[in-house]
N, C-alpha and C. Protein backbone atom coordinates (compact mmCIF):
# COMPACT_ATOMS: atom_id res chain seq x y z
N MET A 1 -7.71 -3.53 -3.84
CA MET A 1 -6.70 -3.78 -4.85
C MET A 1 -6.05 -5.11 -4.53
N SER A 2 -5.84 -5.89 -5.53
CA SER A 2 -5.24 -7.21 -5.36
C SER A 2 -3.73 -7.09 -5.13
N GLY A 3 -3.13 -8.22 -4.77
CA GLY A 3 -1.67 -8.24 -4.60
C GLY A 3 -0.95 -7.81 -5.86
N THR A 4 -1.47 -8.23 -7.02
CA THR A 4 -0.86 -7.84 -8.30
C THR A 4 -0.94 -6.33 -8.49
N GLY A 5 -2.08 -5.76 -8.16
CA GLY A 5 -2.25 -4.31 -8.29
C GLY A 5 -1.36 -3.54 -7.34
N ILE A 6 -1.17 -4.07 -6.15
CA ILE A 6 -0.30 -3.41 -5.18
C ILE A 6 1.14 -3.38 -5.70
N VAL A 7 1.63 -4.53 -6.12
CA VAL A 7 2.99 -4.63 -6.64
C VAL A 7 3.14 -3.78 -7.91
N GLY A 8 2.09 -3.71 -8.71
CA GLY A 8 2.13 -2.94 -9.95
C GLY A 8 2.39 -1.46 -9.74
N GLN A 9 2.13 -0.97 -8.54
CA GLN A 9 2.40 0.44 -8.25
C GLN A 9 3.88 0.76 -8.35
N GLU A 10 4.71 -0.24 -8.12
CA GLU A 10 6.16 -0.02 -8.20
C GLU A 10 6.59 0.43 -9.59
N THR A 11 5.85 0.02 -10.63
CA THR A 11 6.22 0.40 -11.99
C THR A 11 6.01 1.90 -12.23
N LEU A 12 5.22 2.55 -11.39
CA LEU A 12 4.98 3.99 -11.51
C LEU A 12 6.13 4.82 -10.95
N LEU A 13 6.88 4.24 -10.05
CA LEU A 13 7.84 5.02 -9.27
C LEU A 13 8.94 5.70 -10.09
N PRO A 14 9.52 5.06 -11.12
CA PRO A 14 10.54 5.77 -11.90
C PRO A 14 10.00 7.05 -12.54
N ALA A 15 8.80 6.98 -13.10
CA ALA A 15 8.22 8.19 -13.72
C ALA A 15 7.89 9.23 -12.65
N LEU A 16 7.35 8.78 -11.53
CA LEU A 16 7.01 9.72 -10.46
C LEU A 16 8.27 10.41 -9.91
N SER A 17 9.35 9.68 -9.83
CA SER A 17 10.58 10.27 -9.28
C SER A 17 11.14 11.36 -10.19
N ARG A 18 10.81 11.33 -11.48
CA ARG A 18 11.29 12.36 -12.41
C ARG A 18 10.31 13.52 -12.58
N SER A 19 9.12 13.39 -12.01
CA SER A 19 8.09 14.42 -12.18
C SER A 19 8.44 15.68 -11.41
N LYS A 20 8.32 16.82 -12.11
CA LYS A 20 8.53 18.11 -11.44
C LYS A 20 7.24 18.62 -10.83
N ASP A 21 6.11 18.00 -11.19
CA ASP A 21 4.81 18.46 -10.72
C ASP A 21 4.24 17.62 -9.58
N LEU A 22 4.85 16.50 -9.27
CA LEU A 22 4.32 15.62 -8.24
C LEU A 22 4.41 16.29 -6.88
N VAL A 23 3.30 16.30 -6.18
CA VAL A 23 3.29 16.81 -4.81
C VAL A 23 3.50 15.66 -3.84
N THR A 24 2.71 14.59 -3.99
CA THR A 24 2.85 13.41 -3.15
C THR A 24 2.20 12.21 -3.83
N PHE A 25 2.68 11.04 -3.51
CA PHE A 25 2.15 9.78 -4.02
C PHE A 25 1.42 9.10 -2.87
N PHE A 26 0.16 8.75 -3.12
CA PHE A 26 -0.64 8.00 -2.15
C PHE A 26 -0.69 6.54 -2.61
N PRO A 27 0.13 5.66 -2.05
CA PRO A 27 0.02 4.26 -2.46
C PRO A 27 -1.32 3.70 -1.99
N SER A 28 -1.85 2.77 -2.75
CA SER A 28 -3.13 2.17 -2.40
C SER A 28 -3.00 1.40 -1.09
N ASP A 29 -3.72 1.84 -0.10
CA ASP A 29 -3.69 1.15 1.20
C ASP A 29 -4.97 1.47 1.94
N LEU A 30 -5.99 0.69 1.67
CA LEU A 30 -7.28 0.93 2.31
C LEU A 30 -7.45 0.09 3.57
N GLY A 31 -6.36 -0.33 4.15
CA GLY A 31 -6.43 -1.19 5.32
C GLY A 31 -6.24 -0.44 6.62
N ALA A 32 -6.04 -1.20 7.63
CA ALA A 32 -5.83 -0.66 8.97
C ALA A 32 -4.34 -0.68 9.29
N ALA A 33 -4.01 -0.20 10.46
CA ALA A 33 -2.64 -0.32 10.95
C ALA A 33 -2.48 -1.75 11.46
N TRP A 34 -1.61 -2.52 10.82
CA TRP A 34 -1.46 -3.94 11.13
C TRP A 34 -0.42 -4.14 12.21
N THR A 35 -0.55 -5.23 12.95
CA THR A 35 0.39 -5.55 14.03
C THR A 35 1.44 -6.55 13.53
N GLU A 36 2.47 -6.74 14.31
CA GLU A 36 3.49 -7.75 13.97
C GLU A 36 2.86 -9.13 13.89
N HIS A 37 1.90 -9.40 14.76
CA HIS A 37 1.20 -10.69 14.73
C HIS A 37 0.50 -10.88 13.39
N ASP A 38 -0.10 -9.82 12.85
CA ASP A 38 -0.77 -9.90 11.55
C ASP A 38 0.23 -10.25 10.45
N TYR A 39 1.42 -9.66 10.52
CA TYR A 39 2.45 -9.92 9.50
C TYR A 39 2.92 -11.37 9.51
N GLU A 40 2.76 -12.06 10.62
CA GLU A 40 3.18 -13.46 10.70
C GLU A 40 2.18 -14.41 10.05
N ASP A 41 0.95 -13.95 9.82
CA ASP A 41 -0.10 -14.77 9.22
C ASP A 41 0.13 -14.86 7.71
N THR A 42 0.35 -16.05 7.20
CA THR A 42 0.64 -16.20 5.77
C THR A 42 -0.54 -15.79 4.89
N ALA A 43 -1.74 -15.78 5.42
CA ALA A 43 -2.90 -15.32 4.65
C ALA A 43 -2.83 -13.82 4.38
N LEU A 44 -1.98 -13.14 5.12
CA LEU A 44 -1.85 -11.68 4.97
C LEU A 44 -0.52 -11.28 4.34
N ASP A 45 0.05 -12.16 3.53
CA ASP A 45 1.34 -11.86 2.88
C ASP A 45 1.30 -10.63 2.00
N PHE A 46 0.11 -10.25 1.52
CA PHE A 46 0.00 -9.05 0.69
C PHE A 46 0.43 -7.80 1.44
N LEU A 47 0.43 -7.86 2.78
CA LEU A 47 0.88 -6.70 3.56
C LEU A 47 2.35 -6.40 3.28
N LYS A 48 3.13 -7.44 3.07
CA LYS A 48 4.55 -7.24 2.77
C LYS A 48 4.72 -6.54 1.43
N ALA A 49 3.82 -6.82 0.49
CA ALA A 49 3.88 -6.15 -0.82
C ALA A 49 3.63 -4.66 -0.65
N LYS A 50 2.70 -4.30 0.23
CA LYS A 50 2.44 -2.88 0.49
C LYS A 50 3.69 -2.20 1.05
N ASP A 51 4.36 -2.88 1.95
CA ASP A 51 5.59 -2.32 2.53
C ASP A 51 6.68 -2.17 1.48
N ARG A 52 6.77 -3.13 0.55
CA ARG A 52 7.78 -3.03 -0.52
C ARG A 52 7.54 -1.81 -1.40
N VAL A 53 6.28 -1.50 -1.68
CA VAL A 53 5.97 -0.30 -2.48
C VAL A 53 6.43 0.94 -1.74
N VAL A 54 6.14 1.02 -0.45
CA VAL A 54 6.55 2.18 0.35
C VAL A 54 8.08 2.28 0.39
N ASP A 55 8.75 1.17 0.62
CA ASP A 55 10.22 1.18 0.66
C ASP A 55 10.81 1.62 -0.68
N ALA A 56 10.24 1.10 -1.78
CA ALA A 56 10.73 1.46 -3.12
C ALA A 56 10.49 2.95 -3.40
N ALA A 57 9.38 3.49 -2.94
CA ALA A 57 9.11 4.92 -3.13
C ALA A 57 10.14 5.76 -2.37
N HIS A 58 10.45 5.35 -1.14
CA HIS A 58 11.47 6.07 -0.37
C HIS A 58 12.82 6.01 -1.09
N GLU A 59 13.18 4.83 -1.57
CA GLU A 59 14.47 4.67 -2.26
C GLU A 59 14.53 5.50 -3.54
N ALA A 60 13.39 5.66 -4.22
CA ALA A 60 13.35 6.44 -5.46
C ALA A 60 13.24 7.94 -5.20
N GLY A 61 13.08 8.33 -3.94
CA GLY A 61 12.95 9.74 -3.61
C GLY A 61 11.58 10.31 -3.94
N VAL A 62 10.58 9.46 -4.01
CA VAL A 62 9.21 9.89 -4.32
C VAL A 62 8.54 10.36 -3.03
N PRO A 63 8.03 11.60 -3.00
CA PRO A 63 7.31 12.06 -1.80
C PRO A 63 6.07 11.19 -1.59
N LEU A 64 5.83 10.85 -0.35
CA LEU A 64 4.85 9.82 -0.04
C LEU A 64 3.92 10.25 1.08
N THR A 65 2.65 9.93 0.94
CA THR A 65 1.66 10.12 2.00
C THR A 65 0.89 8.81 2.13
N ILE A 66 0.81 8.31 3.35
CA ILE A 66 0.08 7.06 3.59
C ILE A 66 -1.15 7.39 4.42
N ALA A 67 -2.30 6.98 3.91
CA ALA A 67 -3.57 7.20 4.61
C ALA A 67 -4.20 5.84 4.88
N LYS A 68 -4.44 5.54 6.12
CA LYS A 68 -5.10 4.29 6.50
C LYS A 68 -6.57 4.59 6.76
N SER A 69 -7.43 3.99 5.97
CA SER A 69 -8.86 4.26 6.11
C SER A 69 -9.54 3.37 7.14
N GLY A 70 -8.87 2.33 7.56
CA GLY A 70 -9.49 1.39 8.48
C GLY A 70 -10.29 0.35 7.74
N HIS A 71 -10.92 -0.52 8.48
CA HIS A 71 -11.72 -1.59 7.87
C HIS A 71 -13.09 -1.08 7.46
N PHE A 72 -13.62 -1.67 6.41
CA PHE A 72 -14.97 -1.39 5.98
C PHE A 72 -15.89 -2.44 6.59
N ALA A 73 -17.01 -2.02 7.13
CA ALA A 73 -17.94 -2.95 7.75
C ALA A 73 -18.37 -4.06 6.80
N GLU A 74 -18.49 -3.73 5.50
CA GLU A 74 -18.92 -4.74 4.53
C GLU A 74 -17.96 -5.92 4.45
N LEU A 75 -16.70 -5.68 4.77
CA LEU A 75 -15.71 -6.74 4.70
C LEU A 75 -15.64 -7.54 6.00
N SER A 76 -16.11 -6.95 7.08
CA SER A 76 -16.02 -7.60 8.37
C SER A 76 -17.26 -8.40 8.74
N PHE A 77 -18.40 -7.94 8.27
CA PHE A 77 -19.66 -8.57 8.64
C PHE A 77 -20.37 -9.06 7.40
N ARG A 78 -20.89 -10.23 7.48
CA ARG A 78 -21.65 -10.79 6.35
C ARG A 78 -23.10 -10.91 6.75
N SER A 79 -23.98 -10.50 5.87
CA SER A 79 -25.40 -10.67 6.14
C SER A 79 -25.92 -11.85 5.32
N PRO A 80 -26.93 -12.54 5.83
CA PRO A 80 -27.42 -13.70 5.11
C PRO A 80 -28.03 -13.38 3.76
């Protein structure tokens, strides 16, 4: 999901907070557990957007589950 798609999840939160049927919200996060060093890299600024979605969900009272799938080999290794 792109940075735009990540931030776009915030628009769901008002409706989710009013839902009587919502069990939990899984924000899109197919990454790994990032370090503070990773957060300092400007190429990884999208990580801050993921955190903003989580913070906004907490503020809206939306039940939240975060699942980190780790890295996909296809993204780490390139074949000729």
